[in-house]
C-alpha atoms as a PDB file:
ATOM      1  CA  MET A   1       0.014  -0.003   0.005  1.00  0.00           C
ATOM      2  CA  GLU A   2       1.427   3.418  -0.961  1.00  0.00           C
ATOM      3  CA  LYS A   3       1.959   6.063   1.712  1.00  0.00           C
ATOM      4  CA  SER A   4      -0.865   8.333   0.452  1.00  0.00           C
ATOM      5  CA  GLN A   5      -3.249   5.371   0.403  1.00  0.00           C
ATOM      6  CA  ALA A   6      -2.261   4.489   3.976  1.00  0.00           C
ATOM      7  CA  VAL A   7      -2.950   8.034   5.114  1.00  0.00           C
ATOM      8  CA  ASP A   8      -6.351   7.988   3.413  1.00  0.00           C
ATOM      9  CA  ALA A   9      -7.184   4.653   5.055  1.00  0.00           C
ATOM     10  CA  LYS A  10      -6.082   5.961   8.421  1.00  0.00           C
ATOM     11  CA  ASP A  11      -8.251   9.076   8.077  1.00  0.00           C
ATOM     12  CA  GLU A  12     -11.213   6.984   7.045  1.00  0.00           C
ATOM     13  CA  ILE A  13     -11.213   4.387   9.833  1.00  0.00           C
ATOM     14  CA  PHE A  14      -9.979   6.599  12.671  1.00  0.00           C
ATOM     15  CA  GLN A  15     -12.570   9.361  12.464  1.00  0.00           C
ATOM     16  CA  ARG A  16     -14.634   8.625  15.543  1.00  0.00           C
ATOM     17  CA  LYS A  17     -13.039   5.787  17.575  1.00  0.00           C
ATOM     18  CA  PRO A  18      -9.921   5.288  19.715  1.00  0.00           C
ATOM     19  CA  ILE A  19      -7.111   4.117  17.470  1.00  0.00           C
ATOM     20  CA  LYS A  20      -6.880   0.585  18.905  1.00  0.00           C
ATOM     21  CA  ASP A  21     -10.648   0.068  18.414  1.00  0.00           C
ATOM     22  CA  ALA A  22     -10.521   1.362  14.854  1.00  0.00           C
ATOM     23  CA  ILE A  23      -7.603  -0.946  14.014  1.00  0.00           C
ATOM     24  CA  PHE A  24      -9.500  -3.853  15.624  1.00  0.00           C
ATOM     25  CA  ASP A  25     -12.519  -3.085  13.435  1.00  0.00           C
ATOM     26  CA  ALA A  26     -10.360  -2.898  10.309  1.00  0.00           C
ATOM     27  CA  LEU A  27      -8.650  -6.221  11.043  1.00  0.00           C
ATOM     28  CA  HIS A  28     -11.958  -7.788  12.109  1.00  0.00           C
ATOM     29  CA  GLN A  29     -13.502  -6.798   8.771  1.00  0.00           C
ATOM     30  CA  ARG A  30     -10.534  -8.163   6.856  1.00  0.00           C
ATOM     31  CA  ILE A  31     -10.812 -11.537   8.627  1.00  0.00           C
ATOM     32  CA  ILE A  32     -14.555 -11.804   7.972  1.00  0.00           C
ATOM     33  CA  ALA A  33     -13.949 -10.799   4.358  1.00  0.00           C
ATOM     34  CA  GLY A  34     -11.422 -13.621   3.981  1.00  0.00           C
ATOM     35  CA  LYS A  35      -8.467 -11.275   3.375  1.00  0.00           C
ATOM     36  CA  TYR A  36      -6.663 -13.072   6.181  1.00  0.00           C
ATOM     37  CA  ALA A  37      -6.917 -16.839   6.061  1.00  0.00           C
ATOM     38  CA  PRO A  38      -7.196 -19.162   9.099  1.00  0.00           C
ATOM     39  CA  GLY A  39      -3.721 -19.703  10.456  1.00  0.00           C
ATOM     40  CA  GLU A  40      -2.276 -16.637   8.751  1.00  0.00           C
ATOM     41  CA  TRP A  41       0.155 -14.540  10.835  1.00  0.00           C
ATOM     42  CA  LEU A  42      -0.870 -10.954  11.664  1.00  0.00           C
ATOM     43  CA  ARG A  43       2.419  -9.078  11.499  1.00  0.00           C
ATOM     44  CA  GLN A  44       2.476  -6.104  13.822  1.00  0.00           C
ATOM     45  CA  GLU A  45       5.034  -4.124  11.822  1.00  0.00           C
ATOM     46  CA  GLU A  46       3.319  -4.818   8.522  1.00  0.00           C
ATOM     47  CA  ILE A  47      -0.102  -3.731   9.787  1.00  0.00           C
ATOM     48  CA  SER A  48       1.429  -0.619  11.379  1.00  0.00           C
ATOM     49  CA  SER A  49       3.016   0.318   8.057  1.00  0.00           C
ATOM     50  CA  GLN A  50      -0.135  -0.332   6.046  1.00  0.00           C
ATOM     51  CA  LEU A  51      -2.345   1.783   8.258  1.00  0.00           C
ATOM     52  CA  GLY A  52       0.227   4.503   8.929  1.00  0.00           C
ATOM     53  CA  VAL A  53       0.031   4.174  12.734  1.00  0.00           C
ATOM     54  CA  SER A  54       2.499   3.297  15.490  1.00  0.00           C
ATOM     55  CA  GLN A  55       2.909  -0.310  16.631  1.00  0.00           C
ATOM     56  CA  THR A  56       1.529   0.271  20.134  1.00  0.00           C
ATOM     57  CA  PRO A  57      -2.182   0.562  19.119  1.00  0.00           C
ATOM     58  CA  VAL A  58      -1.683  -2.295  16.626  1.00  0.00           C
ATOM     59  CA  ARG A  59      -0.448  -4.491  19.475  1.00  0.00           C
ATOM     60  CA  GLU A  60      -3.463  -3.461  21.568  1.00  0.00           C
ATOM     61  CA  ALA A  61      -5.821  -4.234  18.629  1.00  0.00           C
ATOM     62  CA  LEU A  62      -4.233  -7.652  18.226  1.00  0.00           C
ATOM     63  CA  ASP A  63      -4.884  -8.281  21.938  1.00  0.00           C
ATOM     64  CA  LEU A  64      -8.557  -7.389  21.296  1.00  0.00           C
ATOM     65  CA  LEU A  65      -8.667  -9.866  18.421  1.00  0.00           C
ATOM     66  CA  VAL A  66      -7.326 -12.602  20.680  1.00  0.00           C
ATOM     67  CA  SER A  67      -9.881 -11.733  23.388  1.00  0.00           C
ATOM     68  CA  ALA A  68     -12.662 -11.809  20.744  1.00  0.00           C
ATOM     69  CA  GLY A  69     -11.651 -15.292  19.681  1.00  0.00           C
ATOM     70  CA  LEU A  70     -10.629 -14.427  16.138  1.00  0.00           C
ATOM     71  CA  ALA A  71      -6.901 -14.883  16.710  1.00  0.00           C
ATOM     72  CA  GLU A  72      -4.476 -16.701  18.972  1.00  0.00           C
ATOM     73  CA  ARG A  73      -1.163 -15.607  20.413  1.00  0.00           C
ATOM     74  CA  VAL A  74       1.645 -18.122  20.031  1.00  0.00           C
ATOM     75  CA  PRO A  75       4.508 -17.624  22.508  1.00  0.00           C
ATOM     76  CA  TYR A  76       7.668 -16.244  20.896  1.00  0.00           C
ATOM     77  CA  ARG A  77       6.062 -16.184  17.433  1.00  0.00           C
ATOM     78  CA  GLY A  78       3.243 -13.672  17.424  1.00  0.00           C
ATOM     79  CA  VAL A  79      -0.470 -13.569  16.617  1.00  0.00           C
ATOM     80  CA  ARG A  80      -2.269 -15.504  13.932  1.00  0.00           C
ATOM     81  CA  VAL A  81      -5.855 -15.901  12.752  1.00  0.00           C
ATOM     82  CA  LEU A  82      -7.489 -18.753  14.691  1.00  0.00           C
ATOM     83  CA  GLN A  83      -7.527 -22.108  12.923  1.00  0.00           C
ATOM     84  CA  LEU A  84      -9.841 -24.712  14.397  1.00  0.00           C
ATOM     85  CA  THR A  85     -10.219 -28.428  13.763  1.00  0.00           C
ATOM     86  CA  ALA A  86     -13.634 -30.035  13.056  1.00  0.00           C
ATOM     87  CA  GLU A  87     -13.370 -31.770  16.420  1.00  0.00           C
ATOM     88  CA  GLU A  88     -12.808 -28.485  18.283  1.00  0.00           C
ATOM     89  CA  ILE A  89     -15.729 -26.849  16.476  1.00  0.00           C
ATOM     90  CA  ALA A  90     -18.019 -29.760  17.280  1.00  0.00           C
ATOM     91  CA  ASP A  91     -17.002 -29.684  20.943  1.00  0.00           C
ATOM     92  CA  ALA A  92     -17.740 -25.948  21.105  1.00  0.00           C
ATOM     93  CA  TYR A  93     -21.123 -26.469  19.417  1.00  0.00           C
ATOM     94  CA  ALA A  94     -22.256 -29.085  21.916  1.00  0.00           C
ATOM     95  CA  LEU A  95     -20.991 -27.102  24.900  1.00  0.00           C
ATOM     96  CA  ARG A  96     -22.756 -24.015  23.545  1.00  0.00           C
ATOM     97  CA  LEU A  97     -26.022 -25.941  23.422  1.00  0.00           C
ATOM     98  CA  LEU A  98     -25.654 -26.967  27.039  1.00  0.00           C
ATOM     99  CA  LEU A  99     -24.436 -23.682  28.499  1.00  0.00           C
ATOM    100  CA  GLU A 100     -26.776 -21.369  26.628  1.00  0.00           C
ATOM    101  CA  SER A 101     -29.925 -23.430  27.211  1.00  0.00           C
ATOM    102  CA  VAL A 102     -29.149 -23.565  30.946  1.00  0.00           C
ATOM    103  CA  ALA A 103     -28.350 -19.835  30.960  1.00  0.00           C
ATOM    104  CA  ALA A 104     -31.577 -18.929  29.150  1.00  0.00           C
ATOM    105  CA  ARG A 105     -33.647 -20.943  31.579  1.00  0.00           C
ATOM    106  CA  ALA A 106     -31.965 -19.276  34.546  1.00  0.00           C
ATOM    107  CA  ALA A 107     -32.199 -15.846  32.954  1.00  0.00           C
ATOM    108  CA  ALA A 108     -35.967 -16.182  32.602  1.00  0.00           C
ATOM    109  CA  MET A 109     -36.194 -16.765  36.335  1.00  0.00           C
ATOM    110  CA  SER A 110     -33.752 -14.129  37.559  1.00  0.00           C
ATOM    111  CA  ARG A 111     -33.645 -11.369  34.908  1.00  0.00           C
ATOM    112  CA  SER A 112     -34.053  -7.720  35.826  1.00  0.00           C
ATOM    113  CA  ALA A 113     -36.108  -5.181  33.921  1.00  0.00           C
ATOM    114  CA  ALA A 114     -32.902  -3.493  32.752  1.00  0.00           C
ATOM    115  CA  GLN A 115     -31.516  -6.762  31.439  1.00  0.00           C
ATOM    116  CA  VAL A 116     -34.693  -7.510  29.560  1.00  0.00           C
ATOM    117  CA  GLU A 117     -34.678  -4.048  28.007  1.00  0.00           C
ATOM    118  CA  SER A 118     -31.046  -4.524  26.996  1.00  0.00           C
ATOM    119  CA  LEU A 119     -31.691  -7.857  25.314  1.00  0.00           C
ATOM    120  CA  LEU A 120     -34.677  -6.542  23.405  1.00  0.00           C
ATOM    121  CA  HIS A 121     -32.733  -3.446  22.362  1.00  0.00           C
ATOM    122  CA  ILE A 122     -29.747  -5.381  21.080  1.00  0.00           C
ATOM    123  CA  ALA A 123     -31.982  -7.759  19.096  1.00  0.00           C
ATOM    124  CA  GLU A 124     -33.798  -4.754  17.572  1.00  0.00           C
ATOM    125  CA  GLN A 125     -30.473  -3.150  16.599  1.00  0.00           C
ATOM    126  CA  THR A 126     -29.678  -6.104  14.364  1.00  0.00           C
ATOM    127  CA  LYS A 127     -33.031  -6.095  12.530  1.00  0.00           C
ATOM    128  CA  ASP A 128     -31.814  -4.156   9.498  1.00  0.00           C
ATOM    129  CA  LEU A 129     -28.133  -5.230   9.522  1.00  0.00           C
ATOM    130  CA  VAL A 130     -28.190  -7.502   6.470  1.00  0.00           C
ATOM    131  CA  THR A 131     -25.491  -6.097   4.166  1.00  0.00           C
ATOM    132  CA  LEU A 132     -21.787  -6.856   3.759  1.00  0.00           C
ATOM    133  CA  SER A 133     -20.836  -3.536   5.352  1.00  0.00           C
ATOM    134  CA  ASP A 134     -22.819  -4.523   8.454  1.00  0.00           C
ATOM    135  CA  MET A 135     -20.936  -7.766   9.169  1.00  0.00           C
ATOM    136  CA  SER A 136     -18.417  -6.526  11.703  1.00  0.00           C
ATOM    137  CA  ALA A 137     -20.982  -4.612  13.760  1.00  0.00           C
ATOM    138  CA  LEU A 138     -23.437  -7.484  13.474  1.00  0.00           C
ATOM    139  CA  ARG A 139     -20.987 -10.060  14.775  1.00  0.00           C
ATOM    140  CA  GLN A 140     -20.186  -7.913  17.809  1.00  0.00           C
ATOM    141  CA  LEU A 141     -23.869  -7.329  18.566  1.00  0.00           C
ATOM    142  CA  ASN A 142     -24.553 -11.028  18.161  1.00  0.00           C
ATOM    143  CA  ARG A 143     -21.880 -11.901  20.668  1.00  0.00           C
ATOM    144  CA  GLU A 144     -23.108  -9.206  23.030  1.00  0.00           C
ATOM    145  CA  PHE A 145     -26.626 -10.554  22.891  1.00  0.00           C
ATOM    146  CA  HIS A 146     -25.644 -14.114  23.817  1.00  0.00           C
ATOM    147  CA  GLN A 147     -23.260 -12.941  26.519  1.00  0.00           C
ATOM    148  CA  ARG A 148     -25.999 -10.808  28.091  1.00  0.00           C
ATOM    149  CA  VAL A 149     -28.365 -13.779  28.145  1.00  0.00           C
ATOM    150  CA  VAL A 150     -25.684 -15.691  30.087  1.00  0.00           C
ATOM    151  CA  THR A 151     -25.031 -12.717  32.385  1.00  0.00           C
ATOM    152  CA  ALA A 152     -28.767 -12.453  33.099  1.00  0.00           C
ATOM    153  CA  SER A 153     -28.609 -15.981  34.515  1.00  0.00           C
ATOM    154  CA  GLY A 154     -26.980 -14.459  37.578  1.00  0.00           C
ATOM    155  CA  ASN A 155     -24.254 -17.128  37.635  1.00  0.00           C
ATOM    156  CA  ALA A 156     -20.784 -15.554  37.409  1.00  0.00           C
ATOM    157  CA  LEU A 157     -18.962 -18.856  36.916  1.00  0.00           C
ATOM    158  CA  LEU A 158     -21.274 -19.790  34.041  1.00  0.00           C
ATOM    159  CA  SER A 159     -20.436 -16.477  32.414  1.00  0.00           C
ATOM    160  CA  LYS A 160     -16.700 -17.222  32.689  1.00  0.00           C
ATOM    161  CA  LEU A 161     -17.144 -20.708  31.211  1.00  0.00           C
ATOM    162  CA  TYR A 162     -19.217 -19.279  28.391  1.00  0.00           C
ATOM    163  CA  LYS A 163     -16.564 -16.701  27.492  1.00  0.00           C
ATOM    164  CA  MET A 164     -13.980 -19.470  27.288  1.00  0.00           C
ATOM    165  CA  MET A 165     -16.219 -21.559  25.036  1.00  0.00           C
ATOM    166  CA  THR A 166     -17.000 -18.739  22.623  1.00  0.00           C
ATOM    167  CA  ASN A 167     -13.328 -18.457  21.683  1.00  0.00           C
ATOM    168  CA  THR A 168     -13.577 -21.865  19.972  1.00  0.00           C
ATOM    169  CA  PHE A 169     -16.967 -21.346  18.299  1.00  0.00           C
ATOM    170  CA  PRO A 170     -16.319 -20.232  14.691  1.00  0.00           C
ATOM    171  CA  ASP A 171     -19.057 -17.660  14.274  1.00  0.00           C
ATOM    172  CA  TRP A 172     -16.638 -15.430  12.389  1.00  0.00           C
ATOM    173  CA  MET A 173     -16.027 -18.264   9.917  1.00  0.00           C
ATOM    174  CA  LEU A 174     -19.744 -18.477   9.240  1.00  0.00           C
ATOM    175  CA  TYR A 175     -19.828 -14.706   8.588  1.00  0.00           C
ATOM    176  CA  GLU A 176     -16.766 -15.055   6.351  1.00  0.00           C
ATOM    177  CA  TYR A 177     -18.591 -17.706   4.254  1.00  0.00           C
ATOM    178  CA  MET A 178     -21.646 -15.463   3.935  1.00  0.00           C
ATOM    179  CA  PHE A 179     -19.397 -12.569   3.029  1.00  0.00           C
ATOM    180  CA  ARG A 180     -18.221 -14.627   0.047  1.00  0.00           C
ATOM    181  CA  HIS A 181     -21.812 -15.718  -0.748  1.00  0.00           C
ATOM    182  CA  PRO A 182     -23.852 -12.494  -0.308  1.00  0.00           C
ATOM    183  CA  GLU A 183     -27.021 -14.199  -1.598  1.00  0.00           C
ATOM    184  CA  LEU A 184     -27.158 -16.025   1.767  1.00  0.00           C
ATOM    185  CA  LEU A 185     -26.914 -12.868   3.869  1.00  0.00           C
ATOM    186  CA  GLU A 186     -30.463 -11.564   4.093  1.00  0.00           C
ATOM    187  CA  PRO A 187     -32.338 -14.830   4.716  1.00  0.00           C
ATOM    188  CA  SER A 188     -29.767 -16.089   7.247  1.00  0.00           C
ATOM    189  CA  LEU A 189     -29.504 -12.826   9.168  1.00  0.00           C
ATOM    190  CA  THR A 190     -33.230 -12.175   9.111  1.00  0.00           C
ATOM    191  CA  ARG A 191     -33.780 -15.649  10.638  1.00  0.00           C
ATOM    192  CA  GLU A 192     -31.123 -14.898  13.239  1.00  0.00           C
ATOM    193  CA  TYR A 193     -32.862 -11.658  14.194  1.00  0.00           C
ATOM    194  CA  HIS A 194     -36.225 -13.365  14.650  1.00  0.00           C
ATOM    195  CA  GLU A 195     -34.677 -16.152  16.784  1.00  0.00           C
ATOM    196  CA  HIS A 196     -32.885 -13.642  19.021  1.00  0.00           C
ATOM    197  CA  ALA A 197     -36.075 -11.612  19.428  1.00  0.00           C
ATOM    198  CA  ALA A 198     -37.992 -14.794  20.327  1.00  0.00           C
ATOM    199  CA  ILE A 199     -35.422 -15.735  22.987  1.00  0.00           C
ATOM    200  CA  ALA A 200     -35.495 -12.233  24.458  1.00  0.00           C
ATOM    201  CA  GLN A 201     -39.316 -12.299  24.545  1.00  0.00           C
ATOM    202  CA  ALA A 202     -39.386 -15.645  26.367  1.00  0.00           C
ATOM    203  CA  ILE A 203     -36.919 -14.363  28.946  1.00  0.00           C
ATOM    204  CA  ALA A 204     -38.973 -11.155  29.326  1.00  0.00           C
ATOM    205  CA  ALA A 205     -42.099 -13.247  29.938  1.00  0.00           C
ATOM    206  CA  GLY A 206     -40.320 -15.294  32.607  1.00  0.00           C
ATOM    207  CA  ASP A 207     -41.003 -18.530  30.715  1.00  0.00           C
ATOM    208  CA  ALA A 208     -37.959 -20.617  31.608  1.00  0.00           C
ATOM    209  CA  GLU A 209     -38.764 -23.708  29.534  1.00  0.00           C
ATOM    210  CA  LEU A 210     -39.680 -21.712  26.455  1.00  0.00           C
ATOM    211  CA  ALA A 211     -36.488 -19.633  26.744  1.00  0.00           C
ATOM    212  CA  ALA A 212     -34.404 -22.802  26.925  1.00  0.00           C
ATOM    213  CA  GLN A 213     -36.310 -24.424  24.040  1.00  0.00           C
ATOM    214  CA  ARG A 214     -35.908 -21.410  21.787  1.00  0.00           C
ATOM    215  CA  THR A 215     -32.236 -21.219  22.586  1.00  0.00           C
ATOM    216  CA  LEU A 216     -31.698 -24.852  21.706  1.00  0.00           C
ATOM    217  CA  GLN A 217     -33.555 -24.332  18.401  1.00  0.00           C
ATOM    218  CA  HIS A 218     -31.410 -21.310  17.611  1.00  0.00           C
ATOM    219  CA  ILE A 219     -28.091 -23.094  18.232  1.00  0.00           C
ATOM    220  CA  ARG A 220     -29.285 -26.123  16.258  1.00  0.00           C
ATOM    221  CA  GLU A 221     -29.977 -23.843  13.306  1.00  0.00           C
ATOM    222  CA  LEU A 222     -26.386 -22.730  13.570  1.00  0.00           C
ATOM    223  CA  SER A 223     -25.300 -26.369  13.359  1.00  0.00           C
ATOM    224  CA  LYS A 224     -26.897 -26.578   9.903  1.00  0.00           C
ATOM    225  CA  GLU A 225     -24.686 -23.686   8.849  1.00  0.00           C
ATOM    226  CA  LEU A 226     -21.628 -25.422  10.304  1.00  0.00           C
ATOM    227  CA  VAL A 227     -22.426 -28.365   8.024  1.00  0.00           C
ATOM    228  CA  MET A 228     -23.379 -26.434   4.885  1.00  0.00           C
ATOM    229  CA  TYR A 229     -20.853 -23.605   5.090  1.00  0.00           C
ATOM    230  CA  LEU A 230     -17.842 -25.111   6.853  1.00  0.00           C
ATOM    231  CA  GLY A 231     -18.169 -28.794   5.949  1.00  0.00           C
ATOM    232  CA  ILE A 232     -18.327 -29.997   9.580  1.00  0.00           C
ATOM    233  CA  PRO A 233     -19.660 -33.588   9.490  1.00  0.00           C
ATOM    234  CA  ALA A 234     -23.280 -33.686  10.651  1.00  0.00           C
ATOM    235  CA  ASP A 235     -22.760 -37.034  12.407  1.00  0.00           C
ATOM    236  CA  LEU A 236     -19.852 -35.565  14.386  1.00  0.00           C
ATOM    237  CA  LEU A 237     -22.061 -32.698  15.653  1.00  0.00           C
ATOM    238  CA  ALA A 238     -24.886 -35.098  16.442  1.00  0.00           C
ATOM    239  CA  ASP A 239     -22.547 -37.419  18.338  1.00  0.00           C
ATOM    240  CA  LYS A 240     -21.087 -34.613  20.418  1.00  0.00           C
ATOM    241  CA  GLU A 241     -24.569 -33.277  21.197  1.00  0.00           C
ATOM    242  CA  ARG A 242     -25.900 -36.684  22.178  1.00  0.00           C
ATOM    243  CA  LYS A 243     -23.009 -37.454  24.485  1.00  0.00           C
ATOM    244  CA  LEU A 244     -23.216 -34.104  26.285  1.00  0.00           C
ATOM    245  CA  LEU A 245     -26.957 -33.430  26.415  1.00  0.00           C
ATOM    246  CA  ASP A 246     -28.300 -36.980  26.739  1.00  0.00           C
ATOM    247  CA  ALA A 247     -25.927 -38.230  29.378  1.00  0.00           C
ATOM    248  CA  PRO A 248     -27.869 -38.993  32.599  1.00  0.00           C
ATOM    249  CA  LEU A 249     -26.720 -37.262  35.786  1.00  0.00           C
ATOM    250  CA  PRO A 250     -25.297 -39.601  38.432  1.00  0.00           C
ATOM    251  CA  THR A 251     -27.457 -40.367  41.422  1.00  0.00           C
ATOM    252  CA  LEU A 252     -25.887 -39.548  44.782  1.00  0.00           C
ATOM    253  CA  THR A 253     -26.404 -42.156  47.464  1.00  0.00           C
ATOM    254  CA  GLY A 254     -25.344 -42.202  51.067  1.00  0.00           C
ATOM    255  CA  SER A 255     -22.619 -44.500  52.330  1.00  0.00           C
ATOM    256  CA  GLY A 256     -24.930 -45.963  54.971  1.00  0.00           C
END
C-alpha cells in the first residue's frame, strides 16, 4: 500500500473511535472478508506500516482480536488468525447448546427489567443489519446478545465458562462464508434476528422452559450452517450433542 493510500485509510477508519478500536474493526472486517486466512500470521510491523500508525495501538488491537476469539497468540512467534479443527468446532457447538440453554432458563427466572430491556434493544439493533458492510458490527452485537443472556442468569462462573467456550466457536467463519456468498446474507441474518427476538421475549415473559427451548432451536440452526458452510460432518455434531446433552446425571447415594 502506498503512503498516500495508507494516510487515506487511516483518516477513514480513525474518524470517531480510539485508534486501537478502529484498528481492531479494520482487522476484524478483513478476517470476515477472507483477506486473512485461518492460520495466517498478523504481522504487527506490517499492519502498522499499512495503516500508517504506530505499533503500540496495533499491538493493543491484536490483543482485542485474541480476546474476541478471532486470533491466537503463540509464545515467541506472534499472533495468527485462529484455525480450528472439526473436532474443536463440534465440541464448542455441543458445549454451547448446554451452557446457553441452561443460561436462558436461569435468565428467565432471575432477569431484571434493565436486562430484559437490554436484550430486546440489542436484538432490535440487528433487525436491519443485512449487508456486507454490516458484518463486523453485526458479529459484535450477536456476541453481546448471547453474553448478556448468560449474564442475566446471575451465575458468574457460568459467564466465565461461556466466554472461554465462545473463543472456539467459529461464528466469524460463518460470517466469512456469507461474506463470500452474499445471496445467503439476508435470509440467514433475518432468521437470526427473529430467533434472538424470540429468545429475548421468552426471557422477558419469565417462561424458563420456552427460553431454553428457543435457545436450543437457535443453536441447532447454527449447526446446519456449520455443516453447509464449513463442511463439519453432521454425524460428528450429532454425536457430540448426544453425549453431552443426553448423558444422565449420576445419582448420589449415602454410604450408609
